[in-house]
C-alpha atoms as a PDB file:
ATOM      1  CA  UNK A   1    -143.551 -54.993  48.616  1.00  0.00           C
ATOM      2  CA  UNK A   2    -145.331 -57.729  46.661  1.00  0.00           C
ATOM      3  CA  UNK A   3    -142.255 -59.879  45.850  1.00  0.00           C
ATOM      4  CA  UNK A   4    -143.512 -62.794  47.878  1.00  0.00           C
ATOM      5  CA  UNK A   5    -146.905 -62.878  46.228  1.00  0.00           C
ATOM      6  CA  UNK A   6    -149.049 -62.286  49.331  1.00  0.00           C
ATOM      7  CA  UNK A   7    -150.349 -58.954  48.142  1.00  0.00           C
ATOM      8  CA  UNK A   8    -151.109 -57.725  44.621  1.00  0.00           C
ATOM      9  CA  UNK A   9    -148.977 -54.916  43.204  1.00  0.00           C
ATOM     10  CA  UNK A  10    -149.847 -51.583  44.685  1.00  0.00           C
ATOM     11  CA  UNK A  11    -151.387 -53.047  47.830  1.00  0.00           C
ATOM     12  CA  UNK A  12    -148.922 -51.246  50.164  1.00  0.00           C
ATOM     13  CA  UNK A  13    -149.695 -47.867  48.671  1.00  0.00           C
ATOM     14  CA  UNK A  14    -153.438 -48.680  48.869  1.00  0.00           C
ATOM     15  CA  UNK A  15    -153.161 -49.547  52.571  1.00  0.00           C
ATOM     16  CA  UNK A  16    -150.957 -46.501  53.348  1.00  0.00           C
ATOM     17  CA  UNK A  17    -153.413 -44.271  51.485  1.00  0.00           C
ATOM     18  CA  UNK A  18    -156.274 -45.688  53.430  1.00  0.00           C
ATOM     19  CA  UNK A  19    -154.460 -44.938  56.704  1.00  0.00           C
ATOM     20  CA  UNK A  20    -153.580 -41.464  55.469  1.00  0.00           C
ATOM     21  CA  UNK A  21    -157.232 -40.805  54.616  1.00  0.00           C
ATOM     22  CA  UNK A  22    -158.199 -41.733  58.164  1.00  0.00           C
ATOM     23  CA  UNK A  23    -155.531 -39.432  59.604  1.00  0.00           C
ATOM     24  CA  UNK A  24    -156.695 -36.594  57.309  1.00  0.00           C
ATOM     25  CA  UNK A  25    -160.317 -37.133  58.349  1.00  0.00           C
ATOM     26  CA  UNK A  26    -159.389 -36.875  62.018  1.00  0.00           C
ATOM     27  CA  UNK A  27    -157.203 -33.761  61.377  1.00  0.00           C
ATOM     28  CA  UNK A  28    -160.023 -32.175  59.317  1.00  0.00           C
ATOM     29  CA  UNK A  29    -162.473 -32.629  62.204  1.00  0.00           C
ATOM     30  CA  UNK A  30    -160.019 -31.188  64.705  1.00  0.00           C
ATOM     31  CA  UNK A  31    -159.074 -28.174  62.545  1.00  0.00           C
ATOM     32  CA  UNK A  32    -162.688 -27.345  61.812  1.00  0.00           C
ATOM     33  CA  UNK A  33    -163.554 -27.618  65.529  1.00  0.00           C
ATOM     34  CA  UNK A  34    -160.680 -25.326  66.462  1.00  0.00           C
ATOM     35  CA  UNK A  35    -161.602 -22.792  63.728  1.00  0.00           C
ATOM     36  CA  UNK A  36    -165.219 -22.802  64.916  1.00  0.00           C
ATOM     37  CA  UNK A  37    -164.198 -22.308  68.538  1.00  0.00           C
ATOM     38  CA  UNK A  38    -161.821 -19.479  67.622  1.00  0.00           C
ATOM     39  CA  UNK A  39    -164.383 -17.624  65.531  1.00  0.00           C
ATOM     40  CA  UNK A  40    -166.987 -17.761  68.275  1.00  0.00           C
ATOM     41  CA  UNK A  41    -164.732 -15.567  70.410  1.00  0.00           C
ATOM     42  CA  UNK A  42    -163.500 -13.090  67.845  1.00  0.00           C
ATOM     43  CA  UNK A  43    -164.869 -10.844  65.103  1.00  0.00           C
ATOM     44  CA  UNK A  44    -163.061 -12.706  62.331  1.00  0.00           C
ATOM     45  CA  UNK A  45    -165.272 -14.831  60.063  1.00  0.00           C
ATOM     46  CA  UNK A  46    -165.134 -18.609  59.930  1.00  0.00           C
ATOM     47  CA  UNK A  47    -163.603 -18.769  56.454  1.00  0.00           C
ATOM     48  CA  UNK A  48    -160.945 -16.179  57.369  1.00  0.00           C
ATOM     49  CA  UNK A  49    -159.569 -18.273  60.275  1.00  0.00           C
ATOM     50  CA  UNK A  50    -156.096 -19.680  59.765  1.00  0.00           C
ATOM     51  CA  UNK A  51    -157.227 -23.169  60.790  1.00  0.00           C
ATOM     52  CA  UNK A  52    -159.553 -23.289  57.766  1.00  0.00           C
ATOM     53  CA  UNK A  53    -156.394 -23.190  55.616  1.00  0.00           C
ATOM     54  CA  UNK A  54    -155.081 -26.156  57.515  1.00  0.00           C
ATOM     55  CA  UNK A  55    -158.412 -27.923  57.105  1.00  0.00           C
ATOM     56  CA  UNK A  56    -158.319 -27.282  53.334  1.00  0.00           C
ATOM     57  CA  UNK A  57    -154.791 -28.696  53.262  1.00  0.00           C
ATOM     58  CA  UNK A  58    -155.665 -32.002  54.961  1.00  0.00           C
ATOM     59  CA  UNK A  59    -158.843 -32.231  52.829  1.00  0.00           C
ATOM     60  CA  UNK A  60    -156.803 -31.887  49.686  1.00  0.00           C
ATOM     61  CA  UNK A  61    -154.205 -34.368  50.879  1.00  0.00           C
ATOM     62  CA  UNK A  62    -156.963 -36.871  51.756  1.00  0.00           C
ATOM     63  CA  UNK A  63    -158.422 -36.445  48.277  1.00  0.00           C
ATOM     64  CA  UNK A  64    -155.056 -37.197  46.708  1.00  0.00           C
ATOM     65  CA  UNK A  65    -154.726 -40.356  48.835  1.00  0.00           C
ATOM     66  CA  UNK A  66    -158.316 -41.365  47.870  1.00  0.00           C
ATOM     67  CA  UNK A  67    -157.477 -40.743  44.194  1.00  0.00           C
ATOM     68  CA  UNK A  68    -154.387 -42.972  44.581  1.00  0.00           C
ATOM     69  CA  UNK A  69    -156.555 -45.747  45.944  1.00  0.00           C
ATOM     70  CA  UNK A  70    -159.023 -45.319  43.093  1.00  0.00           C
ATOM     71  CA  UNK A  71    -156.289 -45.421  40.446  1.00  0.00           C
ATOM     72  CA  UNK A  72    -154.785 -48.524  41.981  1.00  0.00           C
ATOM     73  CA  UNK A  73    -158.194 -50.215  41.990  1.00  0.00           C
ATOM     74  CA  UNK A  74    -158.821 -49.074  38.420  1.00  0.00           C
ATOM     75  CA  UNK A  75    -155.441 -50.261  37.210  1.00  0.00           C
ATOM     76  CA  UNK A  76    -155.887 -53.721  38.675  1.00  0.00           C
ATOM     77  CA  UNK A  77    -153.120 -56.108  39.624  1.00  0.00           C
ATOM     78  CA  UNK A  78    -151.946 -56.386  36.015  1.00  0.00           C
ATOM     79  CA  UNK A  79    -152.001 -52.615  35.342  1.00  0.00           C
ATOM     80  CA  UNK A  80    -148.912 -50.567  34.654  1.00  0.00           C
ATOM     81  CA  UNK A  81    -149.624 -48.092  37.447  1.00  0.00           C
ATOM     82  CA  UNK A  82    -149.919 -50.853  40.094  1.00  0.00           C
ATOM     83  CA  UNK A  83    -146.578 -52.330  39.060  1.00  0.00           C
ATOM     84  CA  UNK A  84    -144.901 -48.921  38.826  1.00  0.00           C
ATOM     85  CA  UNK A  85    -146.038 -47.775  42.270  1.00  0.00           C
ATOM     86  CA  UNK A  86    -145.055 -51.120  43.891  1.00  0.00           C
ATOM     87  CA  UNK A  87    -141.330 -50.281  44.064  1.00  0.00           C
ATOM     88  CA  UNK A  88    -140.033 -49.319  47.468  1.00  0.00           C
ATOM     89  CA  UNK A  89    -138.655 -45.951  46.454  1.00  0.00           C
ATOM     90  CA  UNK A  90    -141.667 -45.120  44.335  1.00  0.00           C
ATOM     91  CA  UNK A  91    -143.995 -45.954  47.257  1.00  0.00           C
ATOM     92  CA  UNK A  92    -142.053 -43.758  49.648  1.00  0.00           C
ATOM     93  CA  UNK A  93    -141.839 -40.828  47.240  1.00  0.00           C
ATOM     94  CA  UNK A  94    -145.569 -41.132  46.382  1.00  0.00           C
ATOM     95  CA  UNK A  95    -146.631 -41.110  50.040  1.00  0.00           C
ATOM     96  CA  UNK A  96    -144.326 -38.257  50.951  1.00  0.00           C
ATOM     97  CA  UNK A  97    -145.714 -36.231  48.029  1.00  0.00           C
ATOM     98  CA  UNK A  98    -149.242 -37.056  49.162  1.00  0.00           C
ATOM     99  CA  UNK A  99    -148.403 -35.931  52.701  1.00  0.00           C
ATOM    100  CA  UNK A 100    -146.793 -32.720  51.512  1.00  0.00           C
ATOM    101  CA  UNK A 101    -149.984 -31.620  49.759  1.00  0.00           C
ATOM    102  CA  UNK A 102    -151.466 -30.639  53.170  1.00  0.00           C
ATOM    103  CA  UNK A 103    -148.937 -28.002  54.187  1.00  0.00           C
ATOM    104  CA  UNK A 104    -148.627 -26.617  50.652  1.00  0.00           C
ATOM    105  CA  UNK A 105    -152.398 -26.108  50.263  1.00  0.00           C
ATOM    106  CA  UNK A 106    -152.747 -24.787  53.849  1.00  0.00           C
ATOM    107  CA  UNK A 107    -149.928 -22.305  53.280  1.00  0.00           C
ATOM    108  CA  UNK A 108    -151.305 -21.215  49.942  1.00  0.00           C
ATOM    109  CA  UNK A 109    -154.824 -20.782  51.378  1.00  0.00           C
ATOM    110  CA  UNK A 110    -153.606 -18.752  54.342  1.00  0.00           C
ATOM    111  CA  UNK A 111    -151.338 -16.591  52.158  1.00  0.00           C
ATOM    112  CA  UNK A 112    -154.200 -15.862  49.764  1.00  0.00           C
ATOM    113  CA  UNK A 113    -156.350 -14.821  52.714  1.00  0.00           C
ATOM    114  CA  UNK A 114    -153.644 -12.513  54.066  1.00  0.00           C
ATOM    115  CA  UNK A 115    -153.161 -10.908  50.690  1.00  0.00           C
ATOM    116  CA  UNK A 116    -156.919 -10.496  50.236  1.00  0.00           C
ATOM    117  CA  UNK A 117    -157.186  -8.968  53.706  1.00  0.00           C
ATOM    118  CA  UNK A 118    -154.458  -6.442  52.871  1.00  0.00           C
ATOM    119  CA  UNK A 119    -156.135  -5.373  49.665  1.00  0.00           C
ATOM    120  CA  UNK A 120    -159.508  -5.187  51.361  1.00  0.00           C
ATOM    121  CA  UNK A 121    -161.158  -8.012  49.387  1.00  0.00           C
END
């Protein structure tokens, strides 16, 4: 990652997180638009639409990526976090975990809505 000295430690994760934030922002806009279009046709409320769960998932994943960027900036190039996250395997695992936040939150949100709908809440 930064073995050749071109980039400070943690720069790769910072750049990947920035790209992931952009992807999450685009996905958030698409999911909100789809949820809005779907609720215009039906009787189901906007917050009860399944695509709102997906939107919450990509929002949470984008916030994790933004927090990663913030911690890398805060740690600085001499910080322990920047040096720890700079390893190839650590970078890959960190970004995969960041990406997996979206489906986990989306599934949890939609499951909670289904259970609330069954109980009448």
